[in-house]
Amino acid sequence: MQRFTSSAIKAAHYQRAGRRLYVWFQPDGVLYEYRGVSARVYAGLIAADSKGTYVNAHIREDYPFTKLGARPLKPPDRPGAAP
């Protein structure tokens, strides 16, 4: 799990095997699961100066997602399992 000092994104966790990206948003920790995300896109998020701008430009509209609601910052127990 990667935590950020961002006004929009608290943290992200990537599951390479399932190509799933979990993103916790500020301020209340609402978690979204994005499916089919490549490792390259995740690396771009990690490297981005603005995490929120990157998510909006390269992830939000490009991948199917599920809003999982407010969740604690913890990676999933097993691949494909939501945190």
PDB file of N, CA and C in Angstrom:
ATOM      1  N   MET A   1       0.840  -1.176   0.000  1.00  0.00           N
ATOM      2  CA  MET A   1       0.000   0.000   0.000  1.00  0.00           C
ATOM      3  C   MET A   1       0.884   1.237   0.000  1.00  0.00           C
ATOM      4  N   GLN A   2       0.464   2.205  -0.789  1.00  0.00           N
ATOM      5  CA  GLN A   2       1.185   3.472  -0.902  1.00  0.00           C
ATOM      6  C   GLN A   2       0.306   4.586  -0.328  1.00  0.00           C
ATOM      7  N   ARG A   3       0.787   5.249   0.708  1.00  0.00           N
ATOM      8  CA  ARG A   3       0.069   6.401   1.276  1.00  0.00           C
ATOM      9  C   ARG A   3       0.598   7.675   0.646  1.00  0.00           C
ATOM     10  N   PHE A   4      -0.279   8.670   0.516  1.00  0.00           N
ATOM     11  CA  PHE A   4       0.082   9.920  -0.149  1.00  0.00           C
ATOM     12  C   PHE A   4      -0.194  11.124   0.740  1.00  0.00           C
ATOM     13  N   THR A   5       0.567  12.184   0.521  1.00  0.00           N
ATOM     14  CA  THR A   5       0.247  13.488   1.092  1.00  0.00           C
ATOM     15  C   THR A   5      -0.407  14.282  -0.042  1.00  0.00           C
ATOM     16  N   SER A   6      -1.682  14.060  -0.218  1.00  0.00           N
ATOM     17  CA  SER A   6      -2.452  14.633  -1.319  1.00  0.00           C
ATOM     18  C   SER A   6      -3.762  15.159  -0.754  1.00  0.00           C
ATOM     19  N   SER A   7      -4.256  16.226  -1.326  1.00  0.00           N
ATOM     20  CA  SER A   7      -5.540  16.762  -0.863  1.00  0.00           C
ATOM     21  C   SER A   7      -6.717  15.936  -1.372  1.00  0.00           C
ATOM     22  N   ALA A   8      -6.481  15.057  -2.356  1.00  0.00           N
ATOM     23  CA  ALA A   8      -7.571  14.281  -2.950  1.00  0.00           C
ATOM     24  C   ALA A   8      -7.502  12.781  -2.637  1.00  0.00           C
ATOM     25  N   ILE A   9      -6.297  12.235  -2.573  1.00  0.00           N
ATOM     26  CA  ILE A   9      -6.112  10.794  -2.454  1.00  0.00           C
ATOM     27  C   ILE A   9      -5.338  10.469  -1.181  1.00  0.00           C
ATOM     28  N   LYS A  10      -5.912   9.608  -0.336  1.00  0.00           N
ATOM     29  CA  LYS A  10      -5.222   9.186   0.889  1.00  0.00           C
ATOM     30  C   LYS A  10      -4.182   8.117   0.608  1.00  0.00           C
ATOM     31  N   ALA A  11      -4.583   7.101  -0.184  1.00  0.00           N
ATOM     32  CA  ALA A  11      -3.707   5.956  -0.407  1.00  0.00           C
ATOM     33  C   ALA A  11      -4.179   5.170  -1.616  1.00  0.00           C
ATOM     34  N   ALA A  12      -3.304   4.269  -2.075  1.00  0.00           N
ATOM     35  CA  ALA A  12      -3.652   3.353  -3.156  1.00  0.00           C
ATOM     36  C   ALA A  12      -2.966   2.025  -2.912  1.00  0.00           C
ATOM     37  N   HIS A  13      -3.605   0.978  -3.377  1.00  0.00           N
ATOM     38  CA  HIS A  13      -3.036  -0.371  -3.292  1.00  0.00           C
ATOM     39  C   HIS A  13      -3.291  -1.054  -4.624  1.00  0.00           C
ATOM     40  N   TYR A  14      -2.266  -1.700  -5.171  1.00  0.00           N
ATOM     41  CA  TYR A  14      -2.387  -2.359  -6.472  1.00  0.00           C
ATOM     42  C   TYR A  14      -2.209  -3.860  -6.325  1.00  0.00           C
ATOM     43  N   GLN A  15      -3.112  -4.630  -6.919  1.00  0.00           N
ATOM     44  CA  GLN A  15      -2.993  -6.082  -6.975  1.00  0.00           C
ATOM     45  C   GLN A  15      -2.626  -6.464  -8.406  1.00  0.00           C
ATOM     46  N   ARG A  16      -1.372  -6.783  -8.607  1.00  0.00           N
ATOM     47  CA  ARG A  16      -0.876  -7.103  -9.944  1.00  0.00           C
ATOM     48  C   ARG A  16      -1.605  -8.313 -10.536  1.00  0.00           C
ATOM     49  N   ALA A  17      -1.802  -9.372  -9.747  1.00  0.00           N
ATOM     50  CA  ALA A  17      -2.422 -10.596 -10.263  1.00  0.00           C
ATOM     51  C   ALA A  17      -3.827 -10.340 -10.809  1.00  0.00           C
ATOM     52  N   GLY A  18      -4.608  -9.548 -10.120  1.00  0.00           N
ATOM     53  CA  GLY A  18      -5.972  -9.275 -10.549  1.00  0.00           C
ATOM     54  C   GLY A  18      -6.129  -7.976 -11.326  1.00  0.00           C
ATOM     55  N   ARG A  19      -5.003  -7.236 -11.480  1.00  0.00           N
ATOM     56  CA  ARG A  19      -5.021  -5.930 -12.148  1.00  0.00           C
ATOM     57  C   ARG A  19      -6.095  -5.016 -11.534  1.00  0.00           C
ATOM     58  N   ARG A  20      -6.117  -5.003 -10.214  1.00  0.00           N
ATOM     59  CA  ARG A  20      -7.080  -4.178  -9.478  1.00  0.00           C
ATOM     60  C   ARG A  20      -6.339  -3.076  -8.744  1.00  0.00           C
ATOM     61  N   LEU A  21      -6.909  -1.897  -8.826  1.00  0.00           N
ATOM     62  CA  LEU A  21      -6.355  -0.743  -8.127  1.00  0.00           C
ATOM     63  C   LEU A  21      -7.388  -0.257  -7.128  1.00  0.00           C
ATOM     64  N   TYR A  22      -6.989  -0.169  -5.877  1.00  0.00           N
ATOM     65  CA  TYR A  22      -7.844   0.341  -4.810  1.00  0.00           C
ATOM     66  C   TYR A  22      -7.363   1.739  -4.466  1.00  0.00           C
ATOM     67  N   VAL A  23      -8.288   2.705  -4.473  1.00  0.00           N
ATOM     68  CA  VAL A  23      -7.940   4.098  -4.185  1.00  0.00           C
ATOM     69  C   VAL A  23      -8.841   4.604  -3.067  1.00  0.00           C
ATOM     70  N   TRP A  24      -8.206   5.099  -1.985  1.00  0.00           N
ATOM     71  CA  TRP A  24      -8.915   5.722  -0.872  1.00  0.00           C
ATOM     72  C   TRP A  24      -8.871   7.231  -1.088  1.00  0.00           C
ATOM     73  N   PHE A  25     -10.041   7.854  -1.097  1.00  0.00           N
ATOM     74  CA  PHE A  25     -10.129   9.289  -1.341  1.00  0.00           C
ATOM     75  C   PHE A  25     -10.244  10.062  -0.025  1.00  0.00           C
ATOM     76  N   GLN A  26      -9.746  11.304  -0.056  1.00  0.00           N
ATOM     77  CA  GLN A  26      -9.889  12.228   1.063  1.00  0.00           C
ATOM     78  C   GLN A  26     -11.318  12.769   1.053  1.00  0.00           C
ATOM     79  N   PRO A  27     -11.873  13.257   2.093  1.00  0.00           N
ATOM     80  CA  PRO A  27     -11.299  13.294   3.439  1.00  0.00           C
ATOM     81  C   PRO A  27     -11.708  12.101   4.284  1.00  0.00           C
ATOM     82  N   ASP A  28     -12.728  11.330   3.837  1.00  0.00           N
ATOM     83  CA  ASP A  28     -13.313  10.324   4.721  1.00  0.00           C
ATOM     84  C   ASP A  28     -12.957   8.880   4.387  1.00  0.00           C
ATOM     85  N   GLY A  29     -12.005   8.661   3.500  1.00  0.00           N
ATOM     86  CA  GLY A  29     -11.542   7.302   3.227  1.00  0.00           C
ATOM     87  C   GLY A  29     -12.461   6.460   2.375  1.00  0.00           C
ATOM     88  N   VAL A  30     -13.287   7.099   1.537  1.00  0.00           N
ATOM     89  CA  VAL A  30     -14.142   6.321   0.639  1.00  0.00           C
ATOM     90  C   VAL A  30     -13.248   5.593  -0.357  1.00  0.00           C
ATOM     91  N   LEU A  31     -13.486   4.291  -0.471  1.00  0.00           N
ATOM     92  CA  LEU A  31     -12.644   3.416  -1.272  1.00  0.00           C
ATOM     93  C   LEU A  31     -13.333   3.061  -2.588  1.00  0.00           C
ATOM     94  N   TYR A  32     -12.565   3.153  -3.678  1.00  0.00           N
ATOM     95  CA  TYR A  32     -13.013   2.706  -4.994  1.00  0.00           C
ATOM     96  C   TYR A  32     -12.088   1.602  -5.469  1.00  0.00           C
ATOM     97  N   GLU A  33     -12.662   0.589  -6.103  1.00  0.00           N
ATOM     98  CA  GLU A  33     -11.902  -0.488  -6.728  1.00  0.00           C
ATOM     99  C   GLU A  33     -12.016  -0.313  -8.242  1.00  0.00           C
ATOM    100  N   TYR A  34     -10.870  -0.175  -8.907  1.00  0.00           N
ATOM    101  CA  TYR A  34     -10.811  -0.057 -10.365  1.00  0.00           C
ATOM    102  C   TYR A  34     -10.272  -1.364 -10.919  1.00  0.00           C
ATOM    103  N   ARG A  35     -10.923  -1.901 -11.960  1.00  0.00           N
ATOM    104  CA  ARG A  35     -10.551  -3.194 -12.527  1.00  0.00           C
ATOM    105  C   ARG A  35      -9.872  -3.034 -13.889  1.00  0.00           C
ATOM    106  N   GLY A  36      -8.897  -3.921 -14.156  1.00  0.00           N
ATOM    107  CA  GLY A  36      -8.208  -3.932 -15.438  1.00  0.00           C
ATOM    108  C   GLY A  36      -7.086  -2.920 -15.564  1.00  0.00           C
ATOM    109  N   VAL A  37      -6.622  -2.408 -14.439  1.00  0.00           N
ATOM    110  CA  VAL A  37      -5.591  -1.358 -14.434  1.00  0.00           C
ATOM    111  C   VAL A  37      -4.206  -1.998 -14.604  1.00  0.00           C
ATOM    112  N   SER A  38      -3.423  -1.467 -15.522  1.00  0.00           N
ATOM    113  CA  SER A  38      -2.078  -2.013 -15.751  1.00  0.00           C
ATOM    114  C   SER A  38      -1.101  -1.513 -14.683  1.00  0.00           C
ATOM    115  N   ALA A  39      -0.024  -2.255 -14.530  1.00  0.00           N
ATOM    116  CA  ALA A  39       1.039  -1.847 -13.612  1.00  0.00           C
ATOM    117  C   ALA A  39       1.639  -0.514 -14.043  1.00  0.00           C
ATOM    118  N   ARG A  40       1.670  -0.258 -15.338  1.00  0.00           N
ATOM    119  CA  ARG A  40       2.209   1.005 -15.861  1.00  0.00           C
ATOM    120  C   ARG A  40       1.356   2.195 -15.406  1.00  0.00           C
ATOM    121  N   VAL A  41       0.045   2.025 -15.425  1.00  0.00           N
ATOM    122  CA  VAL A  41      -0.844   3.103 -14.967  1.00  0.00           C
ATOM    123  C   VAL A  41      -0.660   3.326 -13.465  1.00  0.00           C
ATOM    124  N   TYR A  42      -0.536   2.246 -12.692  1.00  0.00           N
ATOM    125  CA  TYR A  42      -0.286   2.390 -11.257  1.00  0.00           C
ATOM    126  C   TYR A  42       1.033   3.109 -11.002  1.00  0.00           C
ATOM    127  N   ALA A  43       2.071   2.749 -11.743  1.00  0.00           N
ATOM    128  CA  ALA A  43       3.364   3.417 -11.602  1.00  0.00           C
ATOM    129  C   ALA A  43       3.246   4.903 -11.928  1.00  0.00           C
ATOM    130  N   GLY A  44       2.415   5.230 -12.904  1.00  0.00           N
ATOM    131  CA  GLY A  44       2.174   6.633 -13.238  1.00  0.00           C
ATOM    132  C   GLY A  44       1.523   7.380 -12.091  1.00  0.00           C
ATOM    133  N   LEU A  45       0.604   6.734 -11.402  1.00  0.00           N
ATOM    134  CA  LEU A  45      -0.034   7.352 -10.233  1.00  0.00           C
ATOM    135  C   LEU A  45       0.998   7.617  -9.144  1.00  0.00           C
ATOM    136  N   ILE A  46       1.833   6.633  -8.878  1.00  0.00           N
ATOM    137  CA  ILE A  46       2.855   6.780  -7.843  1.00  0.00           C
ATOM    138  C   ILE A  46       3.790   7.945  -8.174  1.00  0.00           C
ATOM    139  N   ALA A  47       4.140   8.101  -9.442  1.00  0.00           N
ATOM    140  CA  ALA A  47       5.098   9.129  -9.871  1.00  0.00           C
ATOM    141  C   ALA A  47       4.473  10.506 -10.061  1.00  0.00           C
ATOM    142  N   ALA A  48       3.165  10.586 -10.154  1.00  0.00           N
ATOM    143  CA  ALA A  48       2.493  11.851 -10.476  1.00  0.00           C
ATOM    144  C   ALA A  48       2.696  12.899  -9.384  1.00  0.00           C
ATOM    145  N   ASP A  49       2.907  14.133  -9.814  1.00  0.00           N
ATOM    146  CA  ASP A  49       2.990  15.246  -8.865  1.00  0.00           C
ATOM    147  C   ASP A  49       1.641  15.492  -8.204  1.00  0.00           C
ATOM    148  N   SER A  50       0.569  15.387  -8.970  1.00  0.00           N
ATOM    149  CA  SER A  50      -0.785  15.562  -8.440  1.00  0.00           C
ATOM    150  C   SER A  50      -1.540  14.249  -8.593  1.00  0.00           C
ATOM    151  N   LYS A  51      -1.767  13.568  -7.488  1.00  0.00           N
ATOM    152  CA  LYS A  51      -2.451  12.271  -7.516  1.00  0.00           C
ATOM    153  C   LYS A  51      -3.887  12.409  -7.998  1.00  0.00           C
ATOM    154  N   GLY A  52      -4.598  13.410  -7.514  1.00  0.00           N
ATOM    155  CA  GLY A  52      -5.986  13.615  -7.923  1.00  0.00           C
ATOM    156  C   GLY A  52      -6.121  13.906  -9.404  1.00  0.00           C
ATOM    157  N   THR A  53      -5.245  14.747  -9.936  1.00  0.00           N
ATOM    158  CA  THR A  53      -5.268  15.061 -11.365  1.00  0.00           C
ATOM    159  C   THR A  53      -4.971  13.809 -12.185  1.00  0.00           C
ATOM    160  N   TYR A  54      -4.035  12.996 -11.735  1.00  0.00           N
ATOM    161  CA  TYR A  54      -3.701  11.766 -12.458  1.00  0.00           C
ATOM    162  C   TYR A  54      -4.887  10.804 -12.481  1.00  0.00           C
ATOM    163  N   VAL A  55      -5.517  10.607 -11.324  1.00  0.00           N
ATOM    164  CA  VAL A  55      -6.677   9.711 -11.266  1.00  0.00           C
ATOM    165  C   VAL A  55      -7.767  10.217 -12.204  1.00  0.00           C
ATOM    166  N   ASN A  56      -8.044  11.507 -12.175  1.00  0.00           N
ATOM    167  CA  ASN A  56      -9.084  12.063 -13.045  1.00  0.00           C
ATOM    168  C   ASN A  56      -8.742  11.917 -14.520  1.00  0.00           C
ATOM    169  N   ALA A  57      -7.482  12.076 -14.892  1.00  0.00           N
ATOM    170  CA  ALA A  57      -7.087  12.054 -16.301  1.00  0.00           C
ATOM    171  C   ALA A  57      -6.846  10.650 -16.858  1.00  0.00           C
ATOM    172  N   HIS A  58      -6.425   9.698 -16.002  1.00  0.00           N
ATOM    173  CA  HIS A  58      -5.969   8.414 -16.524  1.00  0.00           C
ATOM    174  C   HIS A  58      -6.674   7.186 -15.959  1.00  0.00           C
ATOM    175  N   ILE A  59      -7.520   7.367 -14.961  1.00  0.00           N
ATOM    176  CA  ILE A  59      -8.116   6.191 -14.320  1.00  0.00           C
ATOM    177  C   ILE A  59      -9.642   6.299 -14.231  1.00  0.00           C
ATOM    178  N   ARG A  60     -10.133   7.379 -13.682  1.00  0.00           N
ATOM    179  CA  ARG A  60     -11.553   7.502 -13.337  1.00  0.00           C
ATOM    180  C   ARG A  60     -12.502   7.131 -14.462  1.00  0.00           C
ATOM    181  N   GLU A  61     -12.297   7.659 -15.639  1.00  0.00           N
ATOM    182  CA  GLU A  61     -13.211   7.425 -16.749  1.00  0.00           C
ATOM    183  C   GLU A  61     -12.789   6.248 -17.630  1.00  0.00           C
ATOM    184  N   ASP A  62     -11.593   5.703 -17.396  1.00  0.00           N
ATOM    185  CA  ASP A  62     -11.040   4.694 -18.305  1.00  0.00           C
ATOM    186  C   ASP A  62     -11.210   3.246 -17.842  1.00  0.00           C
ATOM    187  N   TYR A  63     -11.561   3.033 -16.589  1.00  0.00           N
ATOM    188  CA  TYR A  63     -11.656   1.679 -16.058  1.00  0.00           C
ATOM    189  C   TYR A  63     -12.970   1.482 -15.314  1.00  0.00           C
ATOM    190  N   PRO A  64     -13.549   0.272 -15.414  1.00  0.00           N
ATOM    191  CA  PRO A  64     -14.753   0.001 -14.623  1.00  0.00           C
ATOM    192  C   PRO A  64     -14.403   0.038 -13.139  1.00  0.00           C
ATOM    193  N   PHE A  65     -15.340   0.516 -12.335  1.00  0.00           N
ATOM    194  CA  PHE A  65     -15.053   0.652 -10.908  1.00  0.00           C
ATOM    195  C   PHE A  65     -16.270   0.310 -10.080  1.00  0.00           C
ATOM    196  N   THR A  66     -15.998   0.068  -8.818  1.00  0.00           N
ATOM    197  CA  THR A  66     -17.039  -0.128  -7.818  1.00  0.00           C
ATOM    198  C   THR A  66     -16.711   0.764  -6.635  1.00  0.00           C
ATOM    199  N   LYS A  67     -17.684   1.519  -6.176  1.00  0.00           N
ATOM    200  CA  LYS A  67     -17.520   2.316  -4.962  1.00  0.00           C
ATOM    201  C   LYS A  67     -17.806   1.397  -3.784  1.00  0.00           C
ATOM    202  N   LEU A  68     -16.801   1.181  -2.946  1.00  0.00           N
ATOM    203  CA  LEU A  68     -16.924   0.257  -1.826  1.00  0.00           C
ATOM    204  C   LEU A  68     -17.276   0.948  -0.520  1.00  0.00           C
ATOM    205  N   GLY A  69     -17.318   2.269  -0.519  1.00  0.00           N
ATOM    206  CA  GLY A  69     -17.669   3.014   0.682  1.00  0.00           C
ATOM    207  C   GLY A  69     -16.468   3.285   1.562  1.00  0.00           C
ATOM    208  N   ALA A  70     -16.720   3.886   2.711  1.00  0.00           N
ATOM    209  CA  ALA A  70     -15.633   4.222   3.643  1.00  0.00           C
ATOM    210  C   ALA A  70     -15.052   2.936   4.216  1.00  0.00           C
ATOM    211  N   ARG A  71     -13.743   2.798   4.077  1.00  0.00           N
ATOM    212  CA  ARG A  71     -13.042   1.601   4.553  1.00  0.00           C
ATOM    213  C   ARG A  71     -11.737   2.007   5.210  1.00  0.00           C
ATOM    214  N   PRO A  72     -11.258   1.201   6.168  1.00  0.00           N
ATOM    215  CA  PRO A  72      -9.955   1.493   6.772  1.00  0.00           C
ATOM    216  C   PRO A  72      -8.837   1.325   5.749  1.00  0.00           C
ATOM    217  N   LEU A  73      -7.729   1.993   5.992  1.00  0.00           N
ATOM    218  CA  LEU A  73      -6.564   1.878   5.120  1.00  0.00           C
ATOM    219  C   LEU A  73      -5.857   0.562   5.409  1.00  0.00           C
ATOM    220  N   LYS A  74      -6.237  -0.470   4.685  1.00  0.00           N
ATOM    221  CA  LYS A  74      -5.592  -1.768   4.843  1.00  0.00           C
ATOM    222  C   LYS A  74      -5.724  -2.524   3.537  1.00  0.00           C
ATOM    223  N   PRO A  75      -4.625  -3.163   3.085  1.00  0.00           N
ATOM    224  CA  PRO A  75      -4.696  -3.916   1.836  1.00  0.00           C
ATOM    225  C   PRO A  75      -5.597  -5.134   1.980  1.00  0.00           C
ATOM    226  N   PRO A  76      -6.117  -5.643   0.876  1.00  0.00           N
ATOM    227  CA  PRO A  76      -6.967  -6.830   0.942  1.00  0.00           C
ATOM    228  C   PRO A  76      -6.198  -8.036   1.451  1.00  0.00           C
ATOM    229  N   ASP A  77      -6.922  -8.963   2.046  1.00  0.00           N
ATOM    230  CA  ASP A  77      -6.307 -10.176   2.611  1.00  0.00           C
ATOM    231  C   ASP A  77      -5.811 -11.135   1.539  1.00  0.00           C
ATOM    232  N   ARG A  78      -6.485 -11.164   0.391  1.00  0.00           N
ATOM    233  CA  ARG A  78      -6.105 -12.068  -0.697  1.00  0.00           C
ATOM    234  C   ARG A  78      -6.422 -11.401  -2.024  1.00  0.00           C
ATOM    235  N   PRO A  79      -5.779 -11.838  -3.102  1.00  0.00           N
ATOM    236  CA  PRO A  79      -6.023 -11.230  -4.412  1.00  0.00           C
ATOM    237  C   PRO A  79      -7.507 -11.267  -4.782  1.00  0.00           C
ATOM    238  N   GLY A  80      -8.012 -10.131  -5.239  1.00  0.00           N
ATOM    239  CA  GLY A  80      -9.399 -10.033  -5.658  1.00  0.00           C
ATOM    240  C   GLY A  80     -10.363  -9.738  -4.525  1.00  0.00           C
ATOM    241  N   ALA A  81      -9.895  -9.784  -3.277  1.00  0.00           N
ATOM    242  CA  ALA A  81     -10.754  -9.490  -2.142  1.00  0.00           C
ATOM    243  C   ALA A  81     -10.651  -8.013  -1.806  1.00  0.00           C
ATOM    244  N   ALA A  82     -11.771  -7.387  -1.626  1.00  0.00           N
ATOM    245  CA  ALA A  82     -11.770  -5.958  -1.285  1.00  0.00           C
ATOM    246  C   ALA A  82     -11.249  -5.769   0.130  1.00  0.00           C
ATOM    247  N   PRO A  83     -10.541  -4.693   0.355  1.00  0.00           N
ATOM    248  CA  PRO A  83     -10.047  -4.399   1.707  1.00  0.00           C
ATOM    249  C   PRO A  83     -11.189  -4.213   2.694  1.00  0.00           C
TER     250      PRO A  83
END
